[in-house]
Amino acid sequence: MNSSQPAQQSVQQSAQPPVQQSPQPIPVVVLSGFLGSGKTTLLNHLLGNRGGTRIGVVVNDFGSIEIDAMAVAGQVGDSMVSLGGGCLCCAVDGSELDAYLEKLSEPVHRIDVIVIEASGLAEPQEMIRMLVASENPAIRYGGLVQVVDAAEFDTTRDRHPETDRHLAVADLVVLNKTDRVDAAERARIEGELGALCPGTPVVAADHGRIDPELLFDRRPWTETQGQLSFEDLIAQARDADAAEHEGHTGHAHTVYESTEFVSEQAMNPRRFIDFLDRRPAGLYRIKGYAYFGVPGHEERYEVHAVGRFLRFAPQPWGRGEARLTQLVLIGAGTDGPALLHELEACREPAPQHAPPESMWGVLRYVDRPARADAEPEPEPEPYEPDPYGDPDSDPDSD
């Protein structure tokens, strides 16, 4: 893990008592892949390694979920089963999906994340459209994860021509069963995936074993309610390299690295969006909060990126809360110091002079604008150095 010393000091000096935030929409992650790709194995791995996170699971039937091993607590509804640790599992068909998402998102269940195994429910594109257009304020679309069988890659594409279309809309691709192909074949498949879905991160796995932190935040088992605080995320990132995951020796997630970034200076929105647009393929997830300080946009913006999926969510600051940008970046084979250098180049010493249009790039990724009078969203514009920023901090100036 990588971090600069000044950033560490700023976290310690600005520690504040926890502030009660209003409930945030529950992310809904769609898990897709053709029969035999290993998505159910991946889903069971997520359930078995979720820490204290309360997961809502939507499947076609209960047969694929290891309910016995999860210590079923009892029926919650006609088609809803309570799993150990506060998780819920729904068996639905496509026509019931909206209704059960509404049930799962009820505050009484205190669900942290919902995972939909898309098999038999709907085409991934239809699922995305439904979630993005949902009028349920308690949920938000959290990205599409496409699971690919490395050993049957060519056969699957021959049998299912729609495979390429599914890959094109994926935010993260899990290349599963890599233990069943040699290095040359794996490299060939990764090359084809790079051509089919350019810019989409590809995570290699065997037996569906990926780090759950790539998709959602894991709560510690001792936490029973409330949102996972950013201080908890920082602590988890600091301990990631030294932690021993009992019973998980050899799992693929041991190769992931976490890099943390904290800045007391505001971020230049144009340069920050440019950094996000150019993020390396090995950077699988970014989470945290960004502070821009642009007049009219002084809220903190939650950052949620999974693969190439990106969303910002404006939120009010807590009483007495320090105005900071705090990010955790998770990936494999990434250059931590280089990422920190690029983020430091996004700092803005005079945000009060930035024009409102500098926020347009950020607002493109906000589902529900914080202000009713927000500027209309323009067409994306190319990155241009901010005239109010420090020329020496321009990432394109070296």
Protein backbone atom coordinates (compact mmCIF):
# COMPACT_ATOMS: atom_id res chain seq x y z
CA MET A 1 0.00 0.00 0.00
CA ASN A 2 1.20 3.52 -0.76
CA SER A 3 0.57 6.80 1.00
CA SER A 4 2.37 10.07 1.57
CA GLN A 5 3.25 11.16 5.13
CA PRO A 6 1.48 14.56 4.95
CA ALA A 7 -1.71 12.79 3.97
CA GLN A 8 -1.43 10.52 7.02
CA GLN A 9 -0.99 13.53 9.29
CA SER A 10 -3.97 15.34 7.82
CA VAL A 11 -6.24 12.39 8.65
CA GLN A 12 -5.07 12.31 12.25
CA GLN A 13 -5.40 16.05 12.78
CA SER A 14 -8.87 16.33 11.26
CA ALA A 15 -10.50 13.40 13.08
CA GLN A 16 -14.09 14.29 13.97
CA PRO A 17 -16.81 12.50 15.93
CA PRO A 18 -19.03 10.37 13.69
CA VAL A 19 -21.80 12.38 12.05
CA GLN A 20 -25.15 10.75 11.30
CA GLN A 21 -25.65 10.90 7.53
CA SER A 22 -28.94 10.42 5.75
CA PRO A 23 -29.33 6.92 4.24
CA GLN A 24 -27.63 6.56 0.87
CA PRO A 25 -29.09 4.56 -2.03
CA ILE A 26 -28.12 0.88 -2.00
CA PRO A 27 -25.83 -0.08 -4.91
CA VAL A 28 -27.24 -2.85 -7.11
CA VAL A 29 -24.51 -4.91 -8.80
CA VAL A 30 -25.52 -7.09 -11.76
CA LEU A 31 -23.65 -10.40 -12.13
CA SER A 32 -23.91 -11.77 -15.65
CA GLY A 33 -22.42 -14.65 -17.62
CA PHE A 34 -23.50 -17.69 -19.60
CA LEU A 35 -24.26 -21.11 -18.14
CA GLY A 36 -21.13 -22.68 -16.72
CA SER A 37 -19.07 -19.50 -16.58
CA GLY A 38 -18.85 -19.72 -12.79
CA LYS A 39 -20.98 -16.76 -11.74
CA THR A 40 -22.84 -18.79 -9.11
CA THR A 41 -19.52 -19.95 -7.68
CA LEU A 42 -18.41 -16.32 -7.62
CA LEU A 43 -21.65 -15.29 -5.90
CA ASN A 44 -21.21 -17.96 -3.23
CA HIS A 45 -17.62 -16.78 -2.74
CA LEU A 46 -18.89 -13.22 -2.17
CA LEU A 47 -21.43 -14.47 0.36
CA GLY A 48 -18.83 -16.50 2.20
CA ASN A 49 -16.27 -13.68 2.37
CA ARG A 50 -18.43 -10.62 2.96
CA GLY A 51 -17.32 -9.84 6.51
CA GLY A 52 -20.21 -8.14 8.29
CA THR A 53 -21.76 -6.74 5.11
CA ARG A 54 -25.49 -7.37 4.70
CA ILE A 55 -26.09 -8.54 1.13
CA GLY A 56 -29.39 -8.80 -0.69
CA VAL A 57 -29.21 -11.51 -3.36
CA VAL A 58 -31.62 -11.88 -6.28
CA VAL A 59 -31.57 -15.22 -8.14
CA ASN A 60 -33.88 -17.35 -10.28
CA ASP A 61 -34.07 -20.11 -7.71
CA PHE A 62 -32.57 -21.00 -4.36
CA GLY A 63 -30.96 -24.18 -5.65
CA SER A 64 -27.77 -22.44 -6.73
CA ILE A 65 -27.13 -20.72 -3.40
CA GLU A 66 -25.46 -22.69 -0.63
CA ILE A 67 -28.27 -21.96 1.81
CA ASP A 68 -27.52 -24.87 4.14
CA ALA A 69 -23.94 -23.71 4.56
CA MET A 70 -25.15 -20.17 5.22
CA ALA A 71 -27.32 -21.17 8.21
CA VAL A 72 -30.80 -20.23 7.05
CA ALA A 73 -32.59 -18.15 9.66
CA GLY A 74 -36.09 -18.58 8.25
CA GLN A 75 -38.59 -17.29 5.72
CA VAL A 76 -39.06 -13.53 5.49
CA GLY A 77 -41.65 -13.62 2.72
CA ASP A 78 -43.17 -15.90 0.11
CA SER A 79 -40.00 -15.98 -1.98
CA MET A 80 -37.52 -14.43 0.41
CA VAL A 81 -35.11 -16.40 2.59
CA SER A 82 -33.04 -14.93 5.40
CA LEU A 83 -29.40 -16.02 5.31
CA GLY A 84 -27.00 -15.93 8.22
CA GLY A 85 -25.50 -12.56 9.13
CA GLY A 86 -28.55 -10.54 8.10
CA CYS A 87 -28.38 -11.31 4.36
CA LEU A 88 -31.53 -11.93 2.35
CA CYS A 89 -32.05 -14.04 -0.75
CA CYS A 90 -34.94 -13.67 -3.22
CA ALA A 91 -36.02 -16.17 -5.86
CA VAL A 92 -37.83 -14.16 -8.53
CA ASP A 93 -38.67 -14.05 -12.19
CA GLY A 94 -38.34 -10.97 -14.38
CA SER A 95 -41.84 -9.67 -13.68
CA GLU A 96 -41.20 -9.69 -9.92
CA LEU A 97 -37.82 -8.00 -9.96
CA ASP A 98 -38.99 -4.46 -9.28
CA ALA A 99 -41.17 -5.56 -6.39
CA TYR A 100 -38.39 -7.53 -4.70
CA LEU A 101 -35.84 -4.78 -5.15
CA GLU A 102 -38.31 -2.54 -3.34
CA LYS A 103 -38.64 -5.14 -0.56
CA LEU A 104 -34.90 -5.63 -0.22
CA SER A 105 -34.32 -1.89 0.00
CA GLU A 106 -36.73 -1.41 2.90
CA PRO A 107 -34.84 0.22 5.81
CA VAL A 108 -35.88 -2.54 8.23
CA HIS A 109 -33.54 -4.99 6.44
CA ARG A 110 -30.52 -2.62 6.59
CA ILE A 111 -29.06 -4.13 3.39
CA ASP A 112 -25.70 -2.67 2.30
CA VAL A 113 -25.51 -3.99 -1.27
CA ILE A 114 -27.77 -5.96 -3.62
CA VAL A 115 -26.31 -8.50 -6.06
CA ILE A 116 -28.47 -9.74 -8.95
CA GLU A 117 -27.50 -12.98 -10.68
CA ALA A 118 -28.95 -12.10 -14.07
CA SER A 119 -29.40 -15.62 -15.48
CA GLY A 120 -32.95 -16.09 -16.71
CA LEU A 121 -34.11 -12.73 -15.37
CA ALA A 122 -33.27 -10.38 -18.22
CA GLU A 123 -30.65 -9.45 -20.77
CA PRO A 124 -27.87 -7.42 -19.10
CA GLN A 125 -28.73 -4.39 -21.23
CA GLU A 126 -32.37 -4.56 -20.14
CA MET A 127 -31.31 -4.95 -16.51
CA ILE A 128 -29.09 -1.87 -16.75
CA ARG A 129 -31.85 0.19 -18.35
CA MET A 130 -34.32 -0.88 -15.67
CA LEU A 131 -31.98 -0.01 -12.81
CA VAL A 132 -30.84 3.32 -14.27
CA ALA A 133 -34.46 4.32 -14.93
CA SER A 134 -35.73 3.04 -11.57
CA GLU A 135 -37.86 5.49 -9.62
CA ASN A 136 -36.96 3.75 -6.36
CA PRO A 137 -34.82 6.34 -4.51
CA ALA A 138 -33.47 3.66 -2.17
CA ILE A 139 -31.38 1.94 -4.88
CA ARG A 140 -28.85 2.93 -7.52
CA TYR A 141 -27.17 1.00 -10.30
CA GLY A 142 -23.75 -0.24 -9.13
CA GLY A 143 -22.25 -1.72 -12.29
CA LEU A 144 -22.29 -4.84 -14.48
CA VAL A 145 -19.82 -7.67 -13.82
CA GLN A 146 -19.51 -10.11 -16.73
CA VAL A 147 -18.09 -13.56 -15.87
CA VAL A 148 -16.24 -15.33 -18.70
CA ASP A 149 -15.14 -18.98 -18.78
CA ALA A 150 -11.51 -18.96 -19.95
CA ALA A 151 -11.60 -22.65 -20.84
CA GLU A 152 -14.71 -22.27 -23.02
CA PHE A 153 -14.19 -18.75 -24.34
CA ASP A 154 -14.24 -19.53 -28.07
CA THR A 155 -17.01 -22.12 -27.75
CA THR A 156 -19.20 -19.70 -25.80
CA ARG A 157 -18.79 -16.99 -28.44
CA ASP A 158 -19.70 -19.47 -31.19
CA ARG A 159 -22.81 -20.69 -29.37
CA HIS A 160 -23.88 -17.28 -28.08
CA PRO A 161 -23.14 -14.48 -30.58
CA GLU A 162 -24.62 -12.03 -28.07
CA THR A 163 -21.55 -12.57 -25.87
CA ASP A 164 -19.73 -9.70 -27.57
CA ARG A 165 -22.69 -7.39 -26.95
CA HIS A 166 -22.72 -8.31 -23.27
CA LEU A 167 -19.00 -7.68 -22.96
CA ALA A 168 -19.38 -4.27 -24.61
CA VAL A 169 -21.59 -2.99 -21.76
CA ALA A 170 -19.64 -4.62 -18.90
CA ASP A 171 -17.96 -2.43 -16.31
CA LEU A 172 -15.74 -5.24 -15.01
CA VAL A 173 -14.89 -8.58 -16.64
CA VAL A 174 -13.96 -11.59 -14.49
CA LEU A 175 -11.93 -14.06 -16.56
CA ASN A 176 -12.74 -17.17 -14.56
CA LYS A 177 -11.22 -20.67 -14.60
CA THR A 178 -7.78 -19.40 -15.57
CA ASP A 179 -6.35 -22.46 -13.82
CA ARG A 180 -7.64 -24.50 -16.76
CA VAL A 181 -5.68 -22.70 -19.50
CA ASP A 182 -1.97 -22.15 -20.00
CA ALA A 183 -0.26 -18.76 -19.95
CA ALA A 184 -0.25 -18.36 -23.74
CA GLU A 185 -3.97 -19.11 -24.06
CA ARG A 186 -4.79 -16.76 -21.21
CA ALA A 187 -2.78 -13.97 -22.86
CA ARG A 188 -4.62 -14.57 -26.15
CA ILE A 189 -8.02 -14.38 -24.48
CA GLU A 190 -7.07 -11.25 -22.55
CA GLY A 191 -5.99 -9.69 -25.85
CA GLU A 192 -9.35 -10.51 -27.45
CA LEU A 193 -11.20 -9.13 -24.44
CA GLY A 194 -9.15 -5.95 -24.75
CA ALA A 195 -10.36 -5.59 -28.34
CA LEU A 196 -13.98 -6.47 -27.54
CA CYS A 197 -14.32 -4.14 -24.55
CA PRO A 198 -11.47 -1.61 -24.69
CA GLY A 199 -10.79 0.14 -21.41
CA THR A 200 -12.74 -2.38 -19.32
CA PRO A 201 -10.64 -3.95 -16.54
CA VAL A 202 -10.25 -7.73 -16.71
CA VAL A 203 -9.73 -9.58 -13.41
CA ALA A 204 -8.32 -13.10 -13.66
CA ALA A 205 -9.69 -15.67 -11.21
CA ASP A 206 -10.05 -19.37 -10.55
CA HIS A 207 -13.09 -20.87 -8.82
CA GLY A 208 -14.69 -17.41 -8.79
CA ARG A 209 -12.34 -16.13 -6.10
CA ILE A 210 -12.08 -12.36 -6.37
CA ASP A 211 -11.76 -9.81 -3.61
CA PRO A 212 -15.28 -8.71 -2.57
CA GLU A 213 -13.81 -5.22 -2.02
CA LEU A 214 -13.71 -4.87 -5.81
CA LEU A 215 -17.51 -4.73 -5.77
CA PHE A 216 -18.59 -3.48 -2.34
CA ASP A 217 -17.32 -2.39 1.07
CA ARG A 218 -16.98 -5.17 3.63
CA ARG A 219 -18.08 -4.24 7.14
CA PRO A 220 -16.22 -5.65 10.12
CA TRP A 221 -18.23 -8.33 11.92
CA THR A 222 -18.46 -6.12 15.02
CA GLU A 223 -20.39 -3.41 13.18
CA THR A 224 -24.13 -3.95 13.34
CA GLN A 225 -25.65 -0.80 11.90
CA GLY A 226 -24.94 2.44 10.10
CA GLN A 227 -22.83 3.16 7.04
CA LEU A 228 -19.22 2.01 6.90
CA SER A 229 -17.18 5.11 7.70
CA PHE A 230 -14.30 6.26 5.57
CA GLU A 231 -12.06 5.94 8.62
CA ASP A 232 -12.89 2.21 8.59
CA LEU A 233 -11.95 2.03 4.91
CA ILE A 234 -8.63 3.75 5.59
CA ALA A 235 -7.94 1.31 8.44
CA GLN A 236 -8.78 -1.64 6.21
CA ALA A 237 -6.49 -0.35 3.47
CA ARG A 238 -3.61 0.14 5.94
CA ASP A 239 -4.02 -3.39 7.25
CA ALA A 240 -4.52 -5.04 3.86
CA ASP A 241 -0.89 -5.97 3.26
CA ALA A 242 -0.37 -7.38 6.76
CA ALA A 243 -3.74 -9.04 7.33
CA GLU A 244 -3.90 -12.81 7.43
CA HIS A 245 -7.16 -14.12 6.01
CA GLU A 246 -7.71 -17.30 7.99
CA GLY A 247 -8.74 -20.15 5.71
CA HIS A 248 -8.07 -18.13 2.55
CA THR A 249 -4.48 -19.07 1.78
CA GLY A 250 -3.75 -18.86 -1.93
CA HIS A 251 -6.84 -16.86 -2.88
CA ALA A 252 -6.40 -14.51 -5.81
CA HIS A 253 -7.25 -11.39 -3.76
CA THR A 254 -3.85 -11.53 -2.04
CA VAL A 255 -2.31 -9.87 -5.12
CA TYR A 256 -4.44 -6.70 -4.94
CA GLU A 257 -2.94 -3.44 -3.72
CA SER A 258 -4.60 -0.48 -2.03
CA THR A 259 -3.42 3.10 -2.38
CA GLU A 260 -4.90 5.90 -0.27
CA PHE A 261 -5.00 9.58 -1.12
CA VAL A 262 -6.00 12.41 1.22
CA SER A 263 -5.91 16.10 0.34
CA GLU A 264 -6.84 19.16 2.37
CA GLN A 265 -6.81 21.18 -0.86
CA ALA A 266 -9.81 21.07 -3.17
CA MET A 267 -9.61 19.09 -6.38
CA ASN A 268 -9.80 20.68 -9.80
CA PRO A 269 -12.88 18.99 -11.32
CA ARG A 270 -11.58 19.02 -14.90
CA ARG A 271 -8.22 17.55 -14.01
CA PHE A 272 -9.84 14.99 -11.71
CA ILE A 273 -12.24 13.82 -14.43
CA ASP A 274 -9.30 13.61 -16.82
CA PHE A 275 -7.49 11.39 -14.30
CA LEU A 276 -10.56 9.15 -13.99
CA ASP A 277 -11.00 8.94 -17.75
CA ARG A 278 -7.37 7.84 -18.11
CA ARG A 279 -7.24 5.46 -15.14
CA PRO A 280 -5.21 2.33 -15.91
CA ALA A 281 -6.94 -0.97 -16.68
CA GLY A 282 -5.43 -2.55 -13.56
CA LEU A 283 -7.21 -0.05 -11.31
CA TYR A 284 -10.39 -1.97 -10.51
CA ARG A 285 -12.08 0.18 -7.90
CA ILE A 286 -12.04 3.73 -6.51
CA LYS A 287 -14.09 4.72 -3.48
CA GLY A 288 -14.25 7.70 -1.18
CA TYR A 289 -15.14 11.38 -1.35
CA ALA A 290 -13.97 14.35 -3.41
CA TYR A 291 -14.17 18.03 -2.49
CA PHE A 292 -14.17 20.53 -5.37
CA GLY A 293 -15.17 23.77 -3.61
CA VAL A 294 -16.53 25.31 -6.81
CA PRO A 295 -19.10 28.03 -6.00
CA GLY A 296 -22.54 26.42 -5.95
CA HIS A 297 -21.03 22.94 -5.66
CA GLU A 298 -19.43 22.96 -2.20
CA GLU A 299 -20.91 19.58 -1.17
CA ARG A 300 -18.73 16.53 -0.82
CA TYR A 301 -19.05 14.15 -3.75
CA GLU A 302 -19.02 10.42 -3.07
CA VAL A 303 -16.91 8.66 -5.71
CA HIS A 304 -17.91 5.15 -6.75
CA ALA A 305 -15.98 3.48 -9.58
CA VAL A 306 -16.05 -0.23 -10.42
CA GLY A 307 -14.10 -1.02 -13.56
CA ARG A 308 -15.09 1.64 -16.05
CA PHE A 309 -18.39 2.37 -14.27
CA LEU A 310 -18.31 5.77 -12.54
CA ARG A 311 -20.83 7.65 -10.44
CA PHE A 312 -20.69 10.74 -8.21
CA ALA A 313 -23.24 11.37 -5.45
CA PRO A 314 -23.33 14.83 -3.83
CA GLN A 315 -23.84 14.75 -0.07
CA PRO A 316 -23.97 17.43 2.65
CA TRP A 317 -21.01 17.79 4.97
CA GLY A 318 -21.48 16.85 8.59
CA ARG A 319 -21.38 19.54 11.25
CA GLY A 320 -17.75 20.51 11.82
CA GLU A 321 -16.50 17.98 9.26
CA ALA A 322 -13.19 18.89 7.62
CA ARG A 323 -13.33 19.61 3.88
CA LEU A 324 -11.11 16.85 2.54
CA THR A 325 -10.74 14.63 -0.48
CA GLN A 326 -10.29 11.02 0.71
CA LEU A 327 -9.90 8.17 -1.76
CA VAL A 328 -8.95 4.50 -1.68
CA LEU A 329 -7.79 2.96 -4.97
CA ILE A 330 -7.75 -0.84 -5.35
CA GLY A 331 -6.04 -2.65 -8.20
CA ALA A 332 -3.41 -5.10 -9.34
CA GLY A 333 -0.08 -4.22 -10.91
CA THR A 334 -0.68 -0.50 -10.40
CA ASP A 335 2.03 2.06 -9.66
CA GLY A 336 0.96 3.58 -6.34
CA PRO A 337 3.43 6.48 -6.29
CA ALA A 338 2.51 7.38 -9.88
CA LEU A 339 -1.20 7.39 -9.02
CA LEU A 340 -0.54 9.65 -6.03
CA HIS A 341 1.54 11.97 -8.22
CA GLU A 342 -1.31 12.26 -10.73
CA LEU A 343 -3.86 12.92 -8.00
CA GLU A 344 -1.64 15.54 -6.40
CA ALA A 345 -1.54 17.26 -9.79
CA CYS A 346 -5.35 17.52 -9.64
CA ARG A 347 -5.27 19.81 -6.58
CA GLU A 348 -6.78 23.28 -6.96
CA PRO A 349 -5.43 26.10 -4.76
CA ALA A 350 -8.17 28.62 -5.67
CA PRO A 351 -11.47 26.76 -6.19
CA GLN A 352 -13.49 29.87 -5.33
CA HIS A 353 -12.48 31.36 -8.68
CA ALA A 354 -13.38 28.31 -10.78
CA PRO A 355 -16.27 28.86 -13.22
CA PRO A 356 -19.45 26.78 -12.77
CA GLU A 357 -18.91 25.08 -16.12
CA SER A 358 -15.78 23.42 -14.74
CA MET A 359 -18.15 21.04 -12.90
CA TRP A 360 -19.96 19.85 -16.01
CA GLY A 361 -17.71 16.80 -16.40
CA VAL A 362 -18.51 15.71 -12.83
CA LEU A 363 -22.24 16.37 -13.16
CA ARG A 364 -22.43 14.03 -16.15
CA TYR A 365 -21.92 11.19 -13.66
CA VAL A 366 -24.45 12.35 -11.04
CA ASP A 367 -27.70 10.36 -11.13
CA ARG A 368 -29.71 12.82 -9.09
CA PRO A 369 -28.38 16.39 -9.11
CA ALA A 370 -28.15 17.91 -5.64
CA ARG A 371 -29.60 21.23 -6.84
CA ALA A 372 -32.86 21.65 -8.68
CA ASP A 373 -31.39 24.54 -10.66
CA ALA A 374 -28.29 22.61 -11.76
CA GLU A 375 -26.86 23.55 -15.12
CA PRO A 376 -28.02 21.37 -18.04
CA GLU A 377 -25.57 18.64 -18.89
CA PRO A 378 -23.56 19.58 -21.99
CA GLU A 379 -21.82 17.33 -24.46
CA PRO A 380 -18.48 16.07 -23.11
CA GLU A 381 -15.70 18.55 -23.78
CA PRO A 382 -12.00 17.78 -24.17
CA TYR A 383 -9.76 18.39 -21.19
CA GLU A 384 -8.23 21.86 -21.07
CA PRO A 385 -5.89 23.16 -18.35
CA ASP A 386 -7.79 25.31 -15.87
CA PRO A 387 -6.62 28.94 -16.13
CA TYR A 388 -7.19 29.34 -12.39
CA GLY A 389 -5.02 26.38 -11.45
CA ASP A 390 -1.30 26.14 -10.84
CA PRO A 391 0.41 25.63 -14.25
CA ASP A 392 3.09 23.54 -12.54
CA SER A 393 0.43 21.08 -11.40
CA ASP A 394 -0.96 20.46 -14.90
CA PRO A 395 -0.64 16.70 -15.52
CA ASP A 396 0.08 17.38 -19.20
CA SER A 397 2.83 19.90 -18.56
CA ASP A 398 5.71 17.48 -18.03
